[in-house]
Amino acid sequence: MGSSDIEQRLQVLEHDVAELKQRLETTPSPTEPWWRKISGTFANDPAYEEAMRLGRQWRERENARSLRKNRRARKKKPKNVRS
């Protein structure tokens, strides 16, 4: 890649960055948080309910697995050992 190729690519990048900066300056700040705008979007949606059920099931399984692992680790720890 020659220096002219790099200079050309740099010019394109500088142009794109300038365009993005201008868009940010002219875009108004949201008056309302994004999560309020989508709140209730999935109400009574069977697919959403199923996704929540599966996520809850996974978290419960992982929490139980973690608890069992911690109990086993505590049992293996030698007691009354001096350093």
Protein backbone atom coordinates (compact mmCIF):
# COMPACT_ATOMS: atom_id res chain seq x y z
CA MET A 1 0.00 0.00 0.00
CA GLY A 2 1.59 3.27 -1.11
CA SER A 3 1.52 6.53 0.79
CA SER A 4 -1.00 7.98 -1.67
CA ASP A 5 -3.39 5.12 -0.83
CA ILE A 6 -3.00 5.83 2.86
CA GLU A 7 -3.52 9.58 2.32
CA GLN A 8 -6.66 8.90 0.29
CA ARG A 9 -8.05 6.56 2.95
CA LEU A 10 -7.22 9.11 5.64
CA GLN A 11 -9.12 11.81 3.73
CA VAL A 12 -12.17 9.56 3.49
CA LEU A 13 -12.01 8.82 7.23
CA GLU A 14 -11.61 12.50 8.12
CA HIS A 15 -14.62 13.34 5.96
CA ASP A 16 -16.70 10.61 7.61
CA VAL A 17 -15.70 11.74 11.12
CA ALA A 18 -16.60 15.35 10.29
CA GLU A 19 -19.99 14.20 9.00
CA LEU A 20 -20.66 12.15 12.15
CA LYS A 21 -19.71 15.11 14.37
CA GLN A 22 -22.13 17.34 12.48
CA ARG A 23 -24.92 14.79 12.88
CA LEU A 24 -24.29 14.62 16.63
CA GLU A 25 -24.39 18.41 16.93
CA THR A 26 -27.69 18.70 15.06
CA THR A 27 -29.43 15.70 16.65
CA PRO A 28 -31.60 16.82 19.56
CA SER A 29 -31.13 15.12 22.90
CA PRO A 30 -33.94 12.71 23.75
CA THR A 31 -36.48 14.16 26.15
CA GLU A 32 -37.46 10.73 27.37
CA PRO A 33 -35.24 7.73 28.19
CA TRP A 34 -35.20 5.02 25.51
CA TRP A 35 -36.50 2.38 27.89
CA ARG A 36 -39.68 4.37 28.56
CA LYS A 37 -40.36 4.56 24.84
CA ILE A 38 -40.31 0.76 24.49
CA SER A 39 -41.93 -0.04 27.83
CA GLY A 40 -44.92 -2.32 27.26
CA THR A 41 -43.92 -3.16 23.70
CA PHE A 42 -43.96 -6.87 24.47
CA ALA A 43 -47.09 -6.94 26.60
CA ASN A 44 -49.03 -10.19 26.10
CA ASP A 45 -46.47 -11.46 23.57
CA PRO A 46 -46.13 -15.25 23.90
CA ALA A 47 -42.60 -15.27 22.45
CA TYR A 48 -41.47 -12.67 24.99
CA GLU A 49 -43.07 -14.59 27.85
CA GLU A 50 -41.32 -17.77 26.71
CA ALA A 51 -37.97 -15.96 26.50
CA MET A 52 -38.44 -14.65 30.05
CA ARG A 53 -39.40 -18.12 31.29
CA LEU A 54 -36.34 -19.70 29.69
CA GLY A 55 -34.06 -16.99 31.07
CA ARG A 56 -35.46 -17.43 34.56
CA GLN A 57 -35.07 -21.21 34.30
CA TRP A 58 -31.44 -20.83 33.19
CA ARG A 59 -30.62 -18.38 36.03
CA GLU A 60 -32.19 -20.69 38.62
CA ARG A 61 -30.22 -23.65 37.30
CA GLU A 62 -26.96 -21.67 37.27
CA ASN A 63 -27.57 -20.33 40.79
CA ALA A 64 -28.22 -23.85 42.11
CA ARG A 65 -25.08 -25.14 40.35
CA SER A 66 -23.03 -22.31 41.85
CA LEU A 67 -24.36 -23.02 45.36
CA ARG A 68 -23.49 -26.73 45.06
CA LYS A 69 -20.02 -25.86 43.83
CA ASN A 70 -19.44 -23.46 46.74
CA ARG A 71 -20.63 -26.05 49.27
CA ARG A 72 -18.22 -28.64 47.85
CA ALA A 73 -15.36 -26.17 47.97
CA ARG A 74 -16.07 -25.37 51.63
CA LYS A 75 -16.19 -29.06 52.56
CA LYS A 76 -12.78 -29.71 51.00
CA LYS A 77 -11.14 -26.86 52.91
CA PRO A 78 -8.98 -28.29 55.73
CA LYS A 79 -9.87 -27.00 59.18
CA ASN A 80 -7.48 -25.95 61.91
CA VAL A 81 -4.51 -25.81 59.58
CA ARG A 82 -1.75 -23.47 60.70
CA SER A 83 0.41 -21.61 58.23
